[in-house]
Amino acid sequence: PIRQLLLQTTEGKLILKAYRDNGCLTKNLRNLMTRLILKKEKDLAFHSVQIYGEPDHLRKFVIKKERFMKLARQICQLFPCEITKTYYTPYMRIGSRRINPSGTLFEHFQYQTGILRKGGLLSPTNRVHFLNTPYQVSGAKEKRRNTENEPAADIEAGLDQRRKEFEAANLTLQPIPIFVGPLVAIDTAYVAVNEVLYKVDSALHAIDTCFKIFIALDCAYPRRASSIWLFFQICGYQINYATDTCNRSLNSLIGEIKRHIQLAEP
């Protein structure tokens, strides 16, 4: 059990005490717990290795999907504020789309196997890795455009430039909310859909309209803003799909917000 493992080390007791006092875990404490758990798995696997005898290394070091999932569940049982996706999300294939494993446990496992191979305790891999999907590299770097204080008259010109950049990269410009004025005091809000610019009542209305268009038309979120839209989808609209792929930071943020919502409930 994870609790018993943590009680065996000073670092583990630090994690348990922090949770007892604060009711949540910080990013640093999550990473520390991940290292402690993977160290235990590693020590068990390499127990038979004899530096001055045989075997002096292992041919492979594997943690199966079921084990990762069990560890992630045990963490969430011990710390209800956490969510399993933060620690492990298994490989999935939905249609032609492949979603690789992720989470702190899996990522630290990969990091450790690299160190072990480099140090000679683990045989080098002979696998050849291929990209899951073809991709096109654009010759020019994407330029960020600061539109925070851009006047309304320049919005169309800015959208035209953005469309050209996307067309050059063989991408589609998805619906986008546009705000005019400083972020602390937005003057006007718009929603751009295809070639049409719609004026809306507020920034919140622009975000809500864009999100509903994404859902209604089954559009993919823009790659550079996918985490933001996933955050709105999961926390704002309470919508979860099997294909959702959140990075570690987003999973942690979602877990913390859900915890605060639960604490605020009567």
Protein backbone atom coordinates (compact mmCIF):
# COMPACT_ATOMS: atom_id res chain seq x y z
CA PRO A 1 0.00 0.00 0.00
CA ILE A 2 1.14 3.55 -0.76
CA ARG A 3 0.57 4.73 2.82
CA GLN A 4 2.84 2.04 4.24
CA LEU A 5 5.53 2.89 1.69
CA LEU A 6 5.40 6.59 2.58
CA LEU A 7 5.60 5.88 6.30
CA GLN A 8 8.92 4.09 5.73
CA THR A 9 10.79 7.24 4.67
CA THR A 10 11.22 10.76 6.02
CA GLU A 11 10.20 12.20 2.65
CA GLY A 12 7.05 10.08 2.69
CA LYS A 13 6.13 11.30 6.16
CA LEU A 14 6.63 14.85 4.92
CA ILE A 15 4.07 14.20 2.16
CA LEU A 16 1.54 12.69 4.56
CA LYS A 17 1.94 15.54 7.05
CA ALA A 18 1.55 18.18 4.35
CA TYR A 19 -1.68 16.55 3.20
CA ARG A 20 -2.95 16.27 6.78
CA ASP A 21 -2.29 19.96 7.40
CA ASN A 22 -3.36 21.41 4.04
CA GLY A 23 -5.75 18.88 2.54
CA CYS A 24 -3.94 18.92 -0.81
CA LEU A 25 -0.61 18.15 -2.46
CA THR A 26 1.66 20.60 -4.26
CA LYS A 27 3.33 19.82 -7.57
CA ASN A 28 6.67 19.27 -5.80
CA LEU A 29 5.10 16.81 -3.36
CA ARG A 30 3.46 14.89 -6.20
CA ASN A 31 6.80 14.57 -7.95
CA LEU A 32 8.50 13.52 -4.71
CA MET A 33 5.87 10.82 -4.11
CA THR A 34 6.26 9.61 -7.69
CA ARG A 35 10.02 9.22 -7.21
CA LEU A 36 9.51 7.28 -3.97
CA ILE A 37 7.00 4.90 -5.54
CA LEU A 38 9.14 4.28 -8.64
CA LYS A 39 12.23 3.77 -6.48
CA LYS A 40 10.44 0.94 -4.68
CA GLU A 41 9.44 -0.66 -7.98
CA LYS A 42 12.98 -0.26 -9.29
CA ASP A 43 14.60 -1.69 -6.17
CA LEU A 44 12.39 -4.78 -6.34
CA ALA A 45 13.18 -5.34 -10.02
CA PHE A 46 16.96 -4.91 -9.60
CA HIS A 47 17.28 -6.83 -6.34
CA SER A 48 18.87 -9.81 -8.13
CA VAL A 49 21.55 -7.77 -9.91
CA GLN A 50 25.08 -8.55 -8.62
CA ILE A 51 27.68 -5.92 -9.45
CA TYR A 52 30.60 -8.35 -8.92
CA GLY A 53 28.78 -11.45 -10.12
CA GLU A 54 26.00 -12.57 -12.40
CA PRO A 55 23.70 -11.11 -13.47
CA ASP A 56 25.35 -7.71 -13.52
CA HIS A 57 22.44 -6.11 -15.36
CA LEU A 58 18.83 -6.74 -16.42
CA ARG A 59 17.69 -7.31 -19.98
CA LYS A 60 14.47 -5.40 -19.37
CA PHE A 61 12.69 -3.41 -16.69
CA VAL A 62 8.93 -3.37 -17.24
CA ILE A 63 6.00 -2.05 -15.25
CA LYS A 64 2.77 -3.31 -16.74
CA LYS A 65 -0.24 -1.14 -17.44
CA GLU A 66 -2.25 -2.88 -14.73
CA ARG A 67 0.43 -2.06 -12.16
CA PHE A 68 0.54 1.61 -13.17
CA MET A 69 -3.23 1.81 -12.92
CA LYS A 70 -3.26 0.11 -9.52
CA LEU A 71 -0.62 2.52 -8.18
CA ALA A 72 -2.56 5.53 -9.50
CA ARG A 73 -5.77 4.28 -7.88
CA GLN A 74 -4.02 3.68 -4.55
CA ILE A 75 -2.67 7.24 -4.61
CA CYS A 76 -6.16 8.65 -5.16
CA GLN A 77 -7.62 6.46 -2.42
CA LEU A 78 -5.03 7.79 0.01
CA PHE A 79 -5.31 11.38 -1.24
CA PRO A 80 -8.91 12.00 -2.41
CA CYS A 81 -7.93 15.42 -3.78
CA GLU A 82 -5.89 13.73 -6.53
CA ILE A 83 -7.10 12.28 -9.83
CA THR A 84 -5.71 9.16 -11.48
CA LYS A 85 -4.97 10.86 -14.82
CA THR A 86 -2.33 12.98 -13.10
CA TYR A 87 -0.35 9.83 -12.38
CA TYR A 88 -1.22 7.49 -15.22
CA THR A 89 -3.30 7.40 -18.37
CA PRO A 90 -2.92 4.21 -20.43
CA TYR A 91 -2.40 3.94 -24.17
CA MET A 92 -5.64 4.18 -26.09
CA ARG A 93 -6.63 3.87 -29.71
CA ILE A 94 -9.89 5.48 -30.75
CA GLY A 95 -10.53 5.01 -34.42
CA SER A 96 -7.39 6.09 -36.23
CA ARG A 97 -6.25 8.24 -33.31
CA ARG A 98 -3.56 6.94 -30.99
CA ILE A 99 -3.14 8.37 -27.50
CA ASN A 100 0.18 7.51 -25.87
CA PRO A 101 0.55 6.72 -22.15
CA SER A 102 1.08 9.73 -19.91
CA GLY A 103 1.18 10.81 -16.28
CA THR A 104 3.90 11.39 -13.70
CA LEU A 105 4.41 7.68 -12.94
CA PHE A 106 4.90 6.75 -16.59
CA GLU A 107 7.06 9.77 -17.39
CA HIS A 108 9.36 9.18 -14.42
CA PHE A 109 9.56 5.49 -15.30
CA GLN A 110 10.79 6.40 -18.80
CA TYR A 111 13.29 8.84 -17.32
CA GLN A 112 14.63 6.20 -14.93
CA THR A 113 14.97 3.53 -17.61
CA GLY A 114 17.07 5.96 -19.63
CA ILE A 115 19.41 6.49 -16.67
CA LEU A 116 19.63 2.74 -16.02
CA ARG A 117 20.50 2.01 -19.66
CA LYS A 118 23.12 4.73 -19.70
CA GLY A 119 24.64 3.34 -16.49
CA GLY A 120 24.75 -0.23 -17.81
CA LEU A 121 22.29 -1.73 -15.33
CA LEU A 122 19.73 -2.19 -18.09
CA SER A 123 20.34 -3.52 -21.58
CA PRO A 124 20.01 -0.91 -24.34
CA THR A 125 16.87 -1.02 -26.42
CA ASN A 126 16.95 -2.04 -30.06
CA ARG A 127 13.52 -0.73 -30.87
CA VAL A 128 13.06 1.76 -33.64
CA HIS A 129 10.47 4.42 -32.91
CA PHE A 130 8.30 5.80 -35.68
CA LEU A 131 6.01 8.78 -35.63
CA ASN A 132 2.39 7.78 -35.12
CA THR A 133 1.12 10.17 -37.77
CA PRO A 134 2.72 12.00 -40.70
CA TYR A 135 3.33 15.70 -40.28
CA GLN A 136 4.36 18.67 -42.33
CA VAL A 137 7.07 21.07 -41.23
CA SER A 138 6.53 24.66 -42.15
CA GLY A 139 9.57 26.55 -43.36
CA ALA A 140 8.75 29.61 -41.30
CA LYS A 141 8.29 29.80 -37.56
CA GLU A 142 4.84 30.75 -36.36
CA LYS A 143 4.77 34.33 -35.20
CA ARG A 144 2.86 35.33 -32.14
CA ARG A 145 0.62 38.31 -32.59
CA ASN A 146 -0.13 40.53 -29.62
CA THR A 147 -3.73 41.66 -30.08
CA GLU A 148 -4.43 42.77 -26.52
CA ASN A 149 -4.58 46.47 -27.42
CA GLU A 150 -5.24 46.09 -31.13
CA PRO A 151 -7.99 48.47 -32.28
CA ALA A 152 -11.18 47.01 -33.70
CA ALA A 153 -10.42 48.37 -37.17
CA ASP A 154 -7.32 46.19 -37.39
CA ILE A 155 -9.02 42.92 -36.44
CA GLU A 156 -9.90 41.93 -40.00
CA ALA A 157 -6.32 42.53 -41.13
CA GLY A 158 -5.05 40.45 -38.24
CA LEU A 159 -7.44 37.60 -39.08
CA ASP A 160 -6.40 37.68 -42.73
CA GLN A 161 -2.76 37.34 -41.72
CA ARG A 162 -3.61 34.49 -39.35
CA ARG A 163 -5.57 32.69 -42.09
CA LYS A 164 -2.60 32.92 -44.44
CA GLU A 165 -0.29 31.47 -41.78
CA PHE A 166 -2.65 28.57 -41.17
CA GLU A 167 -3.15 27.92 -44.88
CA ALA A 168 0.61 27.82 -45.39
CA ALA A 169 0.82 25.18 -42.65
CA ASN A 170 -2.13 23.26 -44.14
CA LEU A 171 -4.24 23.98 -41.06
CA THR A 172 -7.76 25.28 -40.57
CA LEU A 173 -8.42 28.42 -38.57
CA GLN A 174 -10.99 27.40 -35.99
CA PRO A 175 -13.51 29.72 -34.32
CA ILE A 176 -11.66 32.21 -32.18
CA PRO A 177 -12.70 34.73 -29.48
CA ILE A 178 -11.24 38.20 -29.96
CA PHE A 179 -10.97 40.85 -27.26
CA VAL A 180 -10.28 44.56 -27.83
CA GLY A 181 -8.70 46.56 -25.03
CA PRO A 182 -6.58 45.68 -21.98
CA LEU A 183 -7.42 42.33 -20.41
CA VAL A 184 -8.36 44.00 -17.11
CA ALA A 185 -10.93 46.20 -18.90
CA ILE A 186 -11.99 44.67 -22.22
CA ASP A 187 -13.84 47.18 -24.42
CA THR A 188 -15.36 44.89 -27.05
CA ALA A 189 -15.57 41.16 -27.72
CA TYR A 190 -16.00 39.31 -31.00
CA VAL A 191 -16.18 35.77 -32.31
CA ALA A 192 -14.58 35.01 -35.66
CA VAL A 193 -16.04 32.05 -37.56
CA ASN A 194 -14.73 31.36 -41.05
CA GLU A 195 -14.96 34.69 -42.88
CA VAL A 196 -17.50 36.27 -40.54
CA LEU A 197 -16.83 38.46 -37.49
CA TYR A 198 -19.62 38.51 -34.88
CA LYS A 199 -19.81 41.12 -32.14
CA VAL A 200 -20.97 39.71 -28.79
CA ASP A 201 -21.97 41.18 -25.45
CA SER A 202 -18.97 40.24 -23.35
CA ALA A 203 -15.73 38.24 -23.15
CA LEU A 204 -17.62 35.49 -21.32
CA HIS A 205 -20.19 35.39 -24.11
CA ALA A 206 -17.39 35.12 -26.69
CA ILE A 207 -15.83 32.15 -24.90
CA ASP A 208 -19.21 30.48 -24.39
CA THR A 209 -20.16 30.96 -28.05
CA CYS A 210 -16.84 29.59 -29.30
CA PHE A 211 -17.05 26.56 -27.07
CA LYS A 212 -20.60 25.74 -28.18
CA ILE A 213 -19.52 26.02 -31.82
CA PHE A 214 -16.68 23.55 -31.16
CA ILE A 215 -19.15 21.09 -29.63
CA ALA A 216 -21.91 21.56 -32.21
CA LEU A 217 -19.58 21.17 -35.20
CA ASP A 218 -17.34 18.57 -33.53
CA CYS A 219 -14.27 20.74 -34.16
CA ALA A 220 -10.87 20.02 -32.70
CA TYR A 221 -9.54 22.68 -30.35
CA PRO A 222 -6.73 24.90 -31.69
CA ARG A 223 -3.44 23.17 -30.87
CA ARG A 224 -1.87 26.20 -29.21
CA ALA A 225 -4.89 26.67 -26.95
CA SER A 226 -6.12 23.10 -26.48
CA SER A 227 -5.31 23.01 -22.75
CA ILE A 228 -7.32 26.18 -22.12
CA TRP A 229 -10.37 24.86 -23.97
CA LEU A 230 -10.09 21.49 -22.23
CA PHE A 231 -10.05 23.34 -18.93
CA PHE A 232 -13.26 25.19 -19.87
CA GLN A 233 -14.84 21.93 -21.07
CA ILE A 234 -14.08 19.85 -17.98
CA CYS A 235 -14.31 22.41 -15.18
CA GLY A 236 -16.70 24.95 -16.69
CA TYR A 237 -19.13 22.73 -18.56
CA GLN A 238 -18.62 19.42 -16.72
CA ILE A 239 -18.12 17.53 -20.00
CA ASN A 240 -15.70 14.59 -20.18
CA TYR A 241 -14.79 12.52 -23.22
CA ALA A 242 -12.70 9.35 -23.43
CA THR A 243 -10.47 11.09 -25.98
CA ASP A 244 -9.56 13.99 -23.68
CA THR A 245 -5.77 14.23 -23.32
CA CYS A 246 -4.72 16.59 -20.54
CA ASN A 247 -1.12 17.33 -19.68
CA ARG A 248 0.19 16.90 -16.16
CA SER A 249 -0.30 20.54 -15.14
CA LEU A 250 -3.88 20.62 -16.39
CA ASN A 251 -4.77 17.39 -14.60
CA SER A 252 -3.33 18.79 -11.36
CA LEU A 253 -5.25 22.06 -11.76
CA ILE A 254 -8.52 20.23 -12.48
CA GLY A 255 -8.01 18.06 -9.40
CA GLU A 256 -7.40 21.10 -7.18
CA ILE A 257 -10.44 22.95 -8.50
CA LYS A 258 -12.70 19.93 -8.00
CA ARG A 259 -11.42 19.65 -4.44
CA HIS A 260 -12.19 23.32 -3.68
CA ILE A 261 -15.67 22.93 -5.18
CA GLN A 262 -16.30 19.93 -2.93
CA LEU A 263 -15.09 21.86 0.12
CA ALA A 264 -17.39 24.77 -0.75
CA GLU A 265 -20.46 22.54 -0.98
CA PRO A 266 -22.68 22.59 2.15
